Amino acid sequence: MRLILSIAATCLATQLPAEEFRWAGTTDPQTMDPHAVNAAPVLGFLNNVYEGLVRRDKEMRIEPALATSWEPIEGGAGWRFILREGVKFHGGEDFSAEDVIFSYERASSEEADTSSWFAPVERMEMVDEFTVDVYTTAPNPIFPDSIANWMIMDSGWAEANNATRPNKEGESYTTLNTNGTGAFRLTDRQPGLQTVLEPFDGWWGEMDSNITRATFTPIQNPATAVAALLSGDVDLINPVPIQDAERLSQADGVKVIQGIEARVIMLGFALEAATLTGGENEGDANPFTYQKVRQAIAQAINVPAILQTIMRGNAEPASQLVSPAMRGYSEALAARPEYQVENARALLREAGYPDGFSFSLKCPNDRYLNDEAVCQAITSMLAQVGLDAQLDAMPVRNYWPELREDNFDMYLLGWSPGTFDAEHPIRFLAATPDAEAKLGSWNFGGFSNPEVDRLLPLIQSEIDEPTRQQMLDEVASIIQDEVAYVPLYVQPLLWGAREEVDLTQRADDFLILRWITVGS
């Protein structure tokens, strides 16, 4: 049985002949624009093409990338970044501080889906051609960690192609075209069919890969993906369907690489909507504004059964917006709501819904591991307490627009904190939505709590760990008490690969091509 439970070692590219690499996943990246969609399928893919000032290594630690070093500005006013000299974009353009300033203005703009990353930033200034100062609204010790996925674009190229701002709702030149500084460059983009990357000969870094051409193909049907791996049509699939993991681990010529992702899968609610948007009670007053209704849902869902039957024991229950592996996790709040059907019915009666009600449940069917199956199980469980969840499952490219247009009553969401810190989901999911302040950009339900909003900037600036943890504990307690979300489980990582493929599996589920070798 070949079940790899830890990170596989990488071989130096010089030890193996050059090879092509083909991989498949359920979700095609929505765009090639690094600032248009703040979602893992986009960011993970483009981490091979674009680079930031910093990046994460195989162990998820921050290390230099387009910046060679950084240090706090005196008095805690911000951070100074010293940039790498001699870097070229794929189009041959020289990298400089001008591109960093441009990329900040672009990525923090109202049109960008990454604007929340820069909520603590007051301004950026170019000191000289290879020095940039970032001034924050308060001392921000975690700022370098927070920008690991902020990718730098060439200012002249963007201006020449009328792409000075991203388009997260539609298409632009950068939807299909790229010009990064990364180890791989885009050579073919056919949305829904295939995307091809090839090594960039002018890359400044050291390539630990023998790949000459990397082709990604979206395969939504799990059985088709498994068959493609077993037949040798692809070298890697992500994810492996849970029901096929054991069979694949026993098959000749393939292996299963297993780990735990940083992603928490949860349910969210339309908290500020006046009426329901779907189901037989469409147009009626919104029951999800009541905490007891949300608590009833939390107690009506049998998470252990979901983990056992649908996830086949490969996932871990979640009680918070981050997993226990994340910095700032609240140990005292590790218990999640118990599965208690009678309590759930009693809570609904107390809230004024003794017979339940009908509503819409939105769910993706190609984004998270077994996402639609999980949502189907939830609808059955909620039916036991009189709640009629009308499931509407759809591809992720249609899903995010539905949530952004408030076309939901309840929805499924997965969140992996880019900083590996509990502050991250507070900023994106729990802060009161404020476009000008760049807060709450993924808080689709409109959760709002003044104490959470008060504590967030203090958490961002506090350098004393016990004091900071006390504030994080308070926020986690508020989110739990108000049932702003219902955390379900921490998603597992299951990749399937040909035996001759050596790779690194990171907890953010990013496939980094420069660490992959294909043996003969």
Protein backbone atom coordinates (compact mmCIF):
# COMPACT_ATOMS: atom_id res chain seq x y z
CA MET A 1 0.00 0.00 0.00
CA ARG A 2 1.52 3.30 -1.09
CA LEU A 3 0.01 5.96 1.18
CA ILE A 4 2.35 8.91 1.59
CA LEU A 5 1.53 10.83 4.79
CA SER A 6 4.30 13.41 4.72
CA ILE A 7 5.90 15.81 2.30
CA ALA A 8 7.81 14.00 -0.42
CA ALA A 9 11.38 15.03 -1.06
CA THR A 10 12.25 16.79 -4.27
CA CYS A 11 15.06 15.76 -6.57
CA LEU A 12 17.34 18.15 -8.36
CA ALA A 13 16.33 18.67 -11.96
CA THR A 14 19.87 17.97 -13.10
CA GLN A 15 19.54 14.33 -12.01
CA LEU A 16 16.72 13.51 -14.41
CA PRO A 17 16.08 14.01 -18.13
CA ALA A 18 13.64 16.73 -19.16
CA GLU A 19 10.00 15.66 -19.07
CA GLU A 20 6.49 16.91 -19.75
CA PHE A 21 4.07 17.03 -16.84
CA ARG A 22 0.28 16.77 -17.08
CA TRP A 23 -2.10 17.33 -14.21
CA ALA A 24 -5.82 17.59 -13.70
CA GLY A 25 -8.15 19.21 -11.18
CA THR A 26 -11.87 19.73 -10.78
CA THR A 27 -11.68 23.53 -10.89
CA ASP A 28 -10.32 25.52 -13.82
CA PRO A 29 -8.82 28.86 -12.69
CA GLN A 30 -11.39 31.54 -13.40
CA THR A 31 -8.84 34.05 -14.57
CA MET A 32 -5.14 34.62 -15.19
CA ASP A 33 -5.35 37.99 -13.42
CA PRO A 34 -3.62 37.78 -10.01
CA HIS A 35 -5.72 40.58 -8.49
CA ALA A 36 -9.16 39.75 -9.91
CA VAL A 37 -10.18 36.67 -7.89
CA ASN A 38 -9.01 35.96 -4.34
CA ALA A 39 -9.52 32.19 -4.52
CA ALA A 40 -7.10 29.28 -4.11
CA PRO A 41 -7.53 27.79 -7.63
CA VAL A 42 -6.44 31.14 -9.10
CA LEU A 43 -3.75 32.05 -6.57
CA GLY A 44 -2.31 28.54 -6.44
CA PHE A 45 -2.02 28.28 -10.22
CA LEU A 46 -0.61 31.79 -10.68
CA ASN A 47 2.02 31.28 -7.98
CA ASN A 48 3.88 29.45 -10.74
CA VAL A 49 3.71 32.45 -13.08
CA TYR A 50 3.77 35.57 -10.90
CA GLU A 51 5.78 36.36 -7.79
CA GLY A 52 5.45 38.62 -4.77
CA LEU A 53 7.91 40.40 -2.57
CA VAL A 54 7.87 37.33 -0.32
CA ARG A 55 6.81 33.72 -0.80
CA ARG A 56 6.29 30.58 1.26
CA ASP A 57 8.74 27.70 1.30
CA LYS A 58 7.92 23.99 1.47
CA GLU A 59 7.15 24.27 5.19
CA MET A 60 4.95 27.38 4.66
CA ARG A 61 7.57 29.72 6.14
CA ILE A 62 8.02 33.18 4.65
CA GLU A 63 11.19 33.65 2.57
CA PRO A 64 12.55 36.27 0.13
CA ALA A 65 11.24 36.46 -3.43
CA LEU A 66 11.21 39.76 -5.32
CA ALA A 67 12.40 41.38 -2.12
CA THR A 68 15.71 40.14 -0.75
CA SER A 69 15.11 41.53 2.74
CA TRP A 70 12.72 43.62 4.82
CA GLU A 71 12.81 45.41 8.16
CA PRO A 72 10.46 47.49 10.31
CA ILE A 73 10.50 51.24 9.79
CA GLU A 74 11.52 53.11 12.93
CA GLY A 75 8.71 53.60 15.39
CA GLY A 76 6.58 50.80 13.95
CA ALA A 77 5.41 53.03 11.08
CA GLY A 78 5.60 50.19 8.58
CA TRP A 79 8.08 48.05 6.66
CA ARG A 80 10.96 48.72 4.26
CA PHE A 81 11.52 46.19 1.47
CA ILE A 82 14.81 45.92 -0.42
CA LEU A 83 14.07 44.62 -3.92
CA ARG A 84 15.93 42.05 -5.95
CA GLU A 85 17.97 43.52 -8.80
CA GLY A 86 18.35 42.01 -12.27
CA VAL A 87 14.87 40.41 -12.37
CA LYS A 88 13.12 40.18 -15.74
CA PHE A 89 9.45 39.81 -16.57
CA HIS A 90 8.53 37.12 -19.08
CA GLY A 91 8.21 39.81 -21.75
CA GLY A 92 11.79 40.97 -21.14
CA GLU A 93 10.93 44.07 -19.10
CA ASP A 94 13.06 45.00 -16.07
CA PHE A 95 11.52 44.72 -12.61
CA SER A 96 11.77 47.76 -10.33
CA ALA A 97 10.06 49.61 -7.48
CA GLU A 98 7.75 51.27 -10.01
CA ASP A 99 6.11 47.87 -10.64
CA VAL A 100 5.62 47.32 -6.90
CA ILE A 101 3.88 50.66 -6.45
CA PHE A 102 1.72 50.04 -9.52
CA SER A 103 0.80 46.54 -8.31
CA TYR A 104 -0.14 47.94 -4.89
CA GLU A 105 -2.42 50.55 -6.45
CA ARG A 106 -3.97 47.89 -8.69
CA ALA A 107 -4.36 45.13 -6.08
CA SER A 108 -5.76 47.50 -3.45
CA SER A 109 -8.21 49.22 -5.79
CA GLU A 110 -11.96 48.96 -5.43
CA GLU A 111 -12.04 46.82 -8.57
CA ALA A 112 -9.71 44.21 -7.07
CA ASP A 113 -10.78 41.13 -5.13
CA THR A 114 -7.53 41.41 -3.16
CA SER A 115 -8.19 44.86 -1.72
CA SER A 116 -8.75 43.53 1.83
CA TRP A 117 -5.13 42.43 1.94
CA PHE A 118 -4.17 46.09 2.13
CA ALA A 119 -6.66 47.29 4.74
CA PRO A 120 -3.81 48.01 7.23
CA VAL A 121 -1.79 49.97 4.62
CA GLU A 122 -1.84 53.75 4.70
CA ARG A 123 0.42 54.24 1.68
CA MET A 124 3.42 52.88 -0.23
CA GLU A 125 6.36 55.01 -1.28
CA MET A 126 9.25 54.39 -3.66
CA VAL A 127 12.50 55.30 -1.89
CA ASP A 128 14.64 54.48 -4.92
CA GLU A 129 14.60 52.06 -7.85
CA PHE A 130 14.99 49.03 -5.57
CA THR A 131 13.59 50.17 -2.22
CA VAL A 132 9.93 50.49 -1.19
CA ASP A 133 8.49 51.68 2.09
CA VAL A 134 5.08 50.42 3.21
CA TYR A 135 3.42 52.63 5.82
CA THR A 136 0.72 50.96 7.91
CA THR A 137 -2.04 52.61 9.92
CA ALA A 138 -0.57 51.05 13.08
CA PRO A 139 2.39 48.79 13.90
CA ASN A 140 1.74 45.57 11.96
CA PRO A 141 4.09 42.72 12.88
CA ILE A 142 2.36 40.19 10.59
CA PHE A 143 2.31 42.34 7.44
CA PRO A 144 5.08 40.45 5.55
CA ASP A 145 3.18 37.19 6.17
CA SER A 146 -0.02 38.75 4.87
CA ILE A 147 1.31 39.49 1.37
CA ALA A 148 2.74 36.09 0.39
CA ASN A 149 0.15 35.81 -2.40
CA TRP A 150 0.31 39.43 -3.56
CA MET A 151 1.74 39.16 -7.06
CA ILE A 152 3.66 41.86 -8.90
CA MET A 153 2.75 42.88 -12.44
CA ASP A 154 4.74 44.93 -14.95
CA SER A 155 3.29 48.45 -15.00
CA GLY A 156 4.15 49.21 -18.61
CA TRP A 157 2.69 45.94 -19.90
CA ALA A 158 -0.55 46.47 -17.99
CA GLU A 159 -0.89 50.04 -19.22
CA ALA A 160 -0.17 49.03 -22.83
CA ASN A 161 -2.94 46.42 -22.67
CA ASN A 162 -5.53 48.61 -20.95
CA ALA A 163 -5.32 46.48 -17.78
CA THR A 164 -4.39 48.99 -15.10
CA ARG A 165 -7.32 47.71 -13.04
CA PRO A 166 -8.59 44.13 -12.67
CA ASN A 167 -12.06 43.03 -13.72
CA LYS A 168 -13.44 40.55 -11.19
CA GLU A 169 -16.90 40.47 -12.76
CA GLY A 170 -16.03 40.17 -16.47
CA GLU A 171 -13.10 39.73 -18.83
CA SER A 172 -10.10 41.82 -19.82
CA TYR A 173 -6.71 41.24 -21.44
CA THR A 174 -5.34 39.82 -18.19
CA THR A 175 -8.10 37.24 -18.01
CA LEU A 176 -6.29 35.18 -20.65
CA ASN A 177 -2.75 36.65 -20.71
CA THR A 178 0.08 36.96 -18.18
CA ASN A 179 3.45 38.63 -17.79
CA GLY A 180 5.05 37.60 -14.52
CA THR A 181 8.54 37.04 -13.19
CA GLY A 182 7.92 33.47 -12.01
CA ALA A 183 9.62 30.19 -12.82
CA PHE A 184 7.01 29.34 -15.48
CA ARG A 185 5.38 31.38 -18.23
CA LEU A 186 1.96 30.95 -19.80
CA THR A 187 2.07 29.69 -23.39
CA ASP A 188 -1.53 28.59 -23.99
CA ARG A 189 -4.79 29.40 -22.23
CA GLN A 190 -8.03 27.73 -23.29
CA PRO A 191 -10.55 28.13 -20.44
CA GLY A 192 -12.27 24.88 -19.61
CA LEU A 193 -9.98 22.88 -21.90
CA GLN A 194 -6.30 23.28 -21.07
CA THR A 195 -3.70 25.72 -19.78
CA VAL A 196 -0.03 25.26 -20.67
CA LEU A 197 3.01 26.55 -18.79
CA GLU A 198 6.66 26.31 -19.81
CA PRO A 199 9.84 27.14 -17.85
CA PHE A 200 11.01 30.74 -18.06
CA ASP A 201 14.66 30.66 -19.12
CA GLY A 202 15.28 34.10 -17.67
CA TRP A 203 14.07 33.28 -14.17
CA TRP A 204 16.33 34.59 -11.42
CA GLY A 205 15.84 31.60 -9.10
CA GLU A 206 17.10 28.03 -8.91
CA MET A 207 14.85 25.51 -10.63
CA ASP A 208 14.44 22.18 -8.83
CA SER A 209 12.41 20.65 -11.64
CA ASN A 210 12.99 18.85 -14.90
CA ILE A 211 9.63 19.84 -16.42
CA THR A 212 9.82 21.24 -19.94
CA ARG A 213 6.07 21.68 -20.39
CA ALA A 214 3.24 21.55 -17.83
CA THR A 215 -0.34 21.11 -19.01
CA PHE A 216 -3.35 21.53 -16.75
CA THR A 217 -6.70 20.02 -17.76
CA PRO A 218 -9.90 20.55 -15.78
CA ILE A 219 -11.75 17.25 -15.25
CA GLN A 220 -14.92 17.68 -13.25
CA ASN A 221 -16.00 14.04 -13.24
CA PRO A 222 -14.07 12.19 -10.48
CA ALA A 223 -14.26 8.81 -12.20
CA THR A 224 -12.82 10.30 -15.38
CA ALA A 225 -9.94 11.86 -13.43
CA VAL A 226 -9.09 8.55 -11.73
CA ALA A 227 -9.21 6.72 -15.05
CA ALA A 228 -6.90 9.32 -16.61
CA LEU A 229 -4.35 8.80 -13.83
CA LEU A 230 -4.50 5.01 -14.00
CA SER A 231 -4.13 5.02 -17.79
CA GLY A 232 -1.19 7.41 -17.70
CA ASP A 233 -3.02 10.21 -19.52
CA VAL A 234 -2.15 12.52 -16.63
CA ASP A 235 0.65 12.43 -14.07
CA LEU A 236 -1.30 13.91 -11.16
CA ILE A 237 -4.89 14.54 -10.09
CA ASN A 238 -6.07 16.87 -7.34
CA PRO A 239 -8.15 15.94 -5.51
CA VAL A 240 -8.40 12.17 -5.39
CA PRO A 241 -12.05 11.22 -4.81
CA ILE A 242 -12.19 9.99 -1.22
CA GLN A 243 -14.01 6.83 -2.22
CA ASP A 244 -11.16 5.95 -4.60
CA ALA A 245 -8.20 6.71 -2.33
CA GLU A 246 -7.78 3.14 -1.05
CA ARG A 247 -8.06 1.63 -4.54
CA LEU A 248 -5.54 4.06 -5.99
CA SER A 249 -3.07 3.45 -3.16
CA GLN A 250 -3.13 -0.27 -4.06
CA ALA A 251 -2.79 0.23 -7.81
CA ASP A 252 0.49 -0.35 -9.64
CA GLY A 253 2.37 2.69 -10.79
CA VAL A 254 0.47 5.30 -8.76
CA LYS A 255 0.54 6.68 -5.22
CA VAL A 256 -1.72 8.73 -2.97
CA ILE A 257 -0.27 11.74 -1.16
CA GLN A 258 -2.35 12.63 1.90
CA GLY A 259 -2.28 15.53 4.32
CA ILE A 260 -4.49 18.05 6.12
CA GLU A 261 -5.24 21.35 4.42
CA ALA A 262 -5.43 24.69 6.19
CA ARG A 263 -9.00 25.08 4.87
CA VAL A 264 -12.06 25.07 7.14
CA ILE A 265 -15.38 24.20 5.46
CA MET A 266 -18.32 26.09 6.95
CA LEU A 267 -21.87 27.26 6.42
CA GLY A 268 -22.74 30.94 6.13
CA PHE A 269 -26.06 32.78 6.35
CA ALA A 270 -27.77 35.80 4.83
CA LEU A 271 -27.71 37.66 8.13
CA GLU A 272 -28.81 41.12 7.02
CA ALA A 273 -31.30 40.26 4.26
CA ALA A 274 -34.88 41.32 5.00
CA THR A 275 -36.50 38.37 3.21
CA LEU A 276 -35.72 34.86 1.99
CA THR A 277 -34.49 34.59 -1.60
CA GLY A 278 -35.53 31.00 -2.35
CA GLY A 279 -37.53 27.97 -1.35
CA GLU A 280 -41.28 27.82 -0.84
CA ASN A 281 -41.07 30.67 1.67
CA GLU A 282 -39.35 33.01 -0.78
CA GLY A 283 -40.22 36.60 0.08
CA ASP A 284 -41.07 35.86 3.71
CA ALA A 285 -39.20 37.55 6.56
CA ASN A 286 -35.68 36.17 6.93
CA PRO A 287 -35.44 33.68 9.86
CA PHE A 288 -31.63 33.66 9.73
CA THR A 289 -31.54 37.02 11.49
CA TYR A 290 -32.35 35.06 14.67
CA GLN A 291 -29.44 33.54 16.58
CA LYS A 292 -31.59 30.64 17.80
CA VAL A 293 -32.37 29.61 14.20
CA ARG A 294 -28.67 29.55 13.35
CA GLN A 295 -27.95 27.62 16.55
CA ALA A 296 -30.64 25.12 15.63
CA ILE A 297 -28.94 24.51 12.30
CA ALA A 298 -25.59 24.00 14.02
CA GLN A 299 -27.12 21.35 16.31
CA ALA A 300 -29.12 19.67 13.54
CA ILE A 301 -26.03 18.81 11.47
CA ASN A 302 -24.35 15.53 12.32
CA VAL A 303 -20.75 16.43 11.53
CA PRO A 304 -19.30 13.10 12.78
CA ALA A 305 -21.59 11.27 10.33
CA ILE A 306 -20.44 13.50 7.46
CA LEU A 307 -16.82 12.81 8.34
CA GLN A 308 -17.39 9.08 8.58
CA THR A 309 -19.61 8.45 5.57
CA ILE A 310 -18.73 11.15 3.05
CA MET A 311 -15.15 12.01 4.01
CA ARG A 312 -14.31 8.37 4.92
CA GLY A 313 -12.55 9.44 8.11
CA ASN A 314 -10.09 11.70 6.28
CA ALA A 315 -11.22 15.05 7.74
CA GLU A 316 -11.21 16.61 11.20
CA PRO A 317 -14.14 18.44 12.87
CA ALA A 318 -13.84 22.24 13.10
CA SER A 319 -15.11 24.61 15.78
CA GLN A 320 -13.62 27.89 14.56
CA LEU A 321 -12.82 29.73 11.34
CA VAL A 322 -9.27 28.36 11.54
CA SER A 323 -7.90 24.90 12.24
CA PRO A 324 -5.83 23.99 15.33
CA ALA A 325 -2.69 24.21 13.18
CA MET A 326 -3.11 27.96 12.65
CA ARG A 327 -1.50 30.67 14.74
CA GLY A 328 -4.08 32.26 17.03
CA TYR A 329 -6.38 29.23 17.30
CA SER A 330 -8.40 29.40 20.53
CA GLU A 331 -7.74 26.23 22.52
CA ALA A 332 -10.47 27.04 25.05
CA LEU A 333 -13.09 27.07 22.27
CA ALA A 334 -12.18 23.76 20.65
CA ALA A 335 -15.60 22.15 21.27
CA ARG A 336 -18.11 22.44 18.44
CA PRO A 337 -21.93 22.26 18.87
CA GLU A 338 -23.14 18.75 19.66
CA TYR A 339 -25.52 16.99 17.30
CA GLN A 340 -28.84 17.23 19.18
CA VAL A 341 -31.99 17.02 17.07
CA GLU A 342 -34.40 17.66 19.95
CA ASN A 343 -32.48 20.74 21.04
CA ALA A 344 -32.56 22.00 17.46
CA ARG A 345 -36.35 21.56 17.28
CA ALA A 346 -36.76 23.33 20.62
CA LEU A 347 -34.65 26.27 19.43
CA LEU A 348 -36.78 26.60 16.29
CA ARG A 349 -39.94 26.63 18.43
CA GLU A 350 -38.47 29.32 20.67
CA ALA A 351 -37.56 31.38 17.58
CA GLY A 352 -41.15 31.16 16.33
CA TYR A 353 -40.70 28.45 13.70
CA PRO A 354 -42.23 25.27 15.23
CA ASP A 355 -42.95 23.88 11.75
CA GLY A 356 -39.69 25.01 10.23
CA PHE A 357 -39.48 26.85 6.91
CA SER A 358 -38.19 26.51 3.35
CA PHE A 359 -35.12 28.36 2.01
CA SER A 360 -32.33 28.21 -0.56
CA LEU A 361 -28.96 26.55 0.09
CA LYS A 362 -26.24 27.44 -2.42
CA CYS A 363 -23.34 25.09 -2.90
CA PRO A 364 -20.50 24.63 -5.42
CA ASN A 365 -20.14 21.25 -7.09
CA ASP A 366 -16.52 21.52 -8.26
CA ARG A 367 -14.68 23.58 -5.65
CA TYR A 368 -14.25 21.59 -2.42
CA LEU A 369 -13.76 17.89 -1.82
CA ASN A 370 -17.20 16.21 -2.05
CA ASP A 371 -18.85 19.62 -1.74
CA GLU A 372 -22.18 18.74 -3.36
CA ALA A 373 -22.40 15.44 -1.46
CA VAL A 374 -21.83 17.28 1.81
CA CYS A 375 -24.59 19.76 0.96
CA GLN A 376 -26.96 16.92 0.06
CA ALA A 377 -26.29 15.31 3.44
CA ILE A 378 -26.92 18.63 5.20
CA THR A 379 -30.29 19.04 3.46
CA SER A 380 -31.33 15.59 4.70
CA MET A 381 -30.22 16.35 8.25
CA LEU A 382 -32.03 19.69 8.32
CA ALA A 383 -35.20 18.00 7.08
CA GLN A 384 -35.24 16.01 10.33
CA VAL A 385 -35.99 19.23 12.22
CA GLY A 386 -38.49 20.60 9.70
CA LEU A 387 -36.13 22.76 7.67
CA ASP A 388 -36.58 22.45 3.89
CA ALA A 389 -33.25 23.44 2.33
CA GLN A 390 -33.69 23.77 -1.42
CA LEU A 391 -30.23 22.83 -2.70
CA ASP A 392 -28.84 24.70 -5.68
CA ALA A 393 -25.40 23.29 -6.59
CA MET A 394 -23.38 24.82 -9.43
CA PRO A 395 -19.85 25.21 -10.85
CA VAL A 396 -17.68 27.62 -8.92
CA ARG A 397 -17.41 30.06 -11.83
CA ASN A 398 -21.16 30.65 -11.40
CA TYR A 399 -21.12 30.28 -7.63
CA TRP A 400 -19.12 33.34 -6.57
CA PRO A 401 -21.24 35.75 -8.66
CA GLU A 402 -24.38 34.31 -7.02
CA LEU A 403 -22.98 34.98 -3.56
CA ARG A 404 -21.78 38.47 -4.49
CA GLU A 405 -25.26 39.28 -5.79
CA ASP A 406 -26.85 38.08 -2.50
CA ASN A 407 -28.74 35.26 -4.23
CA PHE A 408 -28.69 32.89 -1.23
CA ASP A 409 -30.17 32.22 2.18
CA MET A 410 -27.47 29.81 3.33
CA TYR A 411 -24.24 28.81 1.58
CA LEU A 412 -21.16 26.60 1.81
CA LEU A 413 -17.74 28.22 2.06
CA GLY A 414 -14.19 27.01 2.54
CA TRP A 415 -11.51 29.31 3.94
CA SER A 416 -7.76 28.83 4.02
CA PRO A 417 -5.95 31.75 5.71
CA GLY A 418 -3.19 33.01 3.47
CA THR A 419 -1.24 34.21 6.52
CA PHE A 420 -1.80 30.97 8.50
CA ASP A 421 -3.06 33.27 11.26
CA ALA A 422 -6.50 33.64 12.87
CA GLU A 423 -6.54 37.36 12.04
CA HIS A 424 -7.01 36.54 8.36
CA PRO A 425 -10.59 35.17 8.42
CA ILE A 426 -11.62 37.87 10.91
CA ARG A 427 -10.57 40.51 8.40
CA PHE A 428 -12.23 38.82 5.44
CA LEU A 429 -15.21 36.97 6.94
CA ALA A 430 -16.13 38.65 10.23
CA ALA A 431 -15.33 42.35 9.86
CA THR A 432 -18.27 44.55 8.91
CA PRO A 433 -18.14 44.88 5.10
CA ASP A 434 -16.57 48.22 4.20
CA ALA A 435 -15.23 48.67 0.67
CA GLU A 436 -13.44 51.92 1.52
CA ALA A 437 -11.65 50.35 4.50
CA LYS A 438 -11.05 47.17 2.46
CA LEU A 439 -12.69 44.96 5.10
CA GLY A 440 -15.13 42.06 4.97
CA SER A 441 -14.77 41.44 1.24
CA TRP A 442 -15.85 37.78 1.64
CA ASN A 443 -18.40 38.44 4.38
CA PHE A 444 -21.27 37.63 2.02
CA GLY A 445 -23.87 37.36 4.78
CA GLY A 446 -23.10 40.78 6.24
CA PHE A 447 -22.14 39.69 9.77
CA SER A 448 -21.42 42.76 11.89
CA ASN A 449 -20.32 43.13 15.49
CA PRO A 450 -18.86 46.39 16.86
CA GLU A 451 -16.58 44.59 19.32
CA VAL A 452 -15.07 42.46 16.54
CA ASP A 453 -14.52 45.63 14.50
CA ARG A 454 -12.89 47.32 17.50
CA LEU A 455 -10.57 44.41 18.25
CA LEU A 456 -9.40 43.70 14.70
CA PRO A 457 -6.93 46.63 14.36
CA LEU A 458 -5.65 45.91 17.87
CA ILE A 459 -5.02 42.28 16.92
CA GLN A 460 -3.19 43.41 13.79
CA SER A 461 -0.84 45.69 15.73
CA GLU A 462 -0.28 43.81 19.00
CA ILE A 463 3.20 42.28 19.35
CA ASP A 464 2.74 40.69 22.79
CA GLU A 465 1.53 37.16 22.01
CA PRO A 466 -0.51 36.50 25.22
CA THR A 467 -2.30 39.85 24.86
CA ARG A 468 -2.96 39.22 21.19
CA GLN A 469 -4.23 35.70 21.88
CA GLN A 470 -6.63 37.01 24.50
CA MET A 471 -8.18 39.31 21.89
CA LEU A 472 -8.34 36.52 19.32
CA ASP A 473 -10.08 34.34 21.91
CA GLU A 474 -12.64 37.07 22.51
CA VAL A 475 -13.41 37.41 18.80
CA ALA A 476 -13.67 33.64 18.36
CA SER A 477 -16.07 33.52 21.31
CA ILE A 478 -18.28 36.23 19.79
CA ILE A 479 -18.39 34.43 16.44
CA GLN A 480 -19.28 31.16 18.17
CA ASP A 481 -21.92 32.70 20.44
CA GLU A 482 -23.63 34.56 17.63
CA VAL A 483 -23.27 31.57 15.27
CA ALA A 484 -22.03 33.89 12.55
CA TYR A 485 -20.92 30.74 10.72
CA VAL A 486 -21.21 27.01 11.35
CA PRO A 487 -17.71 25.51 10.99
CA LEU A 488 -17.98 21.90 9.86
CA TYR A 489 -14.57 20.31 9.26
CA VAL A 490 -10.98 20.84 8.17
CA GLN A 491 -10.65 19.62 4.61
CA PRO A 492 -8.13 16.84 3.89
CA LEU A 493 -5.56 16.91 1.11
CA LEU A 494 -5.64 13.93 -1.24
CA TRP A 495 -3.49 13.98 -4.37
CA GLY A 496 -2.88 11.09 -6.70
CA ALA A 497 0.31 10.87 -8.75
CA ARG A 498 2.26 8.54 -10.97
CA GLU A 499 4.92 6.63 -9.07
CA GLU A 500 7.75 8.46 -10.85
CA VAL A 501 6.56 11.93 -9.81
CA ASP A 502 8.33 13.61 -6.87
CA LEU A 503 6.64 16.67 -5.41
CA THR A 504 5.92 18.77 -2.35
CA GLN A 505 2.40 18.93 -0.92
CA ARG A 506 1.85 22.13 1.04
CA ALA A 507 -0.98 22.76 3.48
CA ASP A 508 -2.36 25.55 1.26
CA ASP A 509 -3.06 23.02 -1.54
CA PHE A 510 -0.87 24.96 -3.99
CA LEU A 511 0.90 22.84 -6.62
CA ILE A 512 4.32 24.44 -7.07
CA LEU A 513 5.80 23.24 -10.37
CA ARG A 514 9.40 24.27 -9.64
CA TRP A 515 9.50 21.54 -6.97
CA ILE A 516 8.26 18.74 -9.23
CA THR A 517 10.42 16.19 -11.01
CA VAL A 518 9.26 13.41 -13.30
CA GLY A 519 11.45 10.31 -13.37
CA SER A 520 11.84 7.97 -16.30
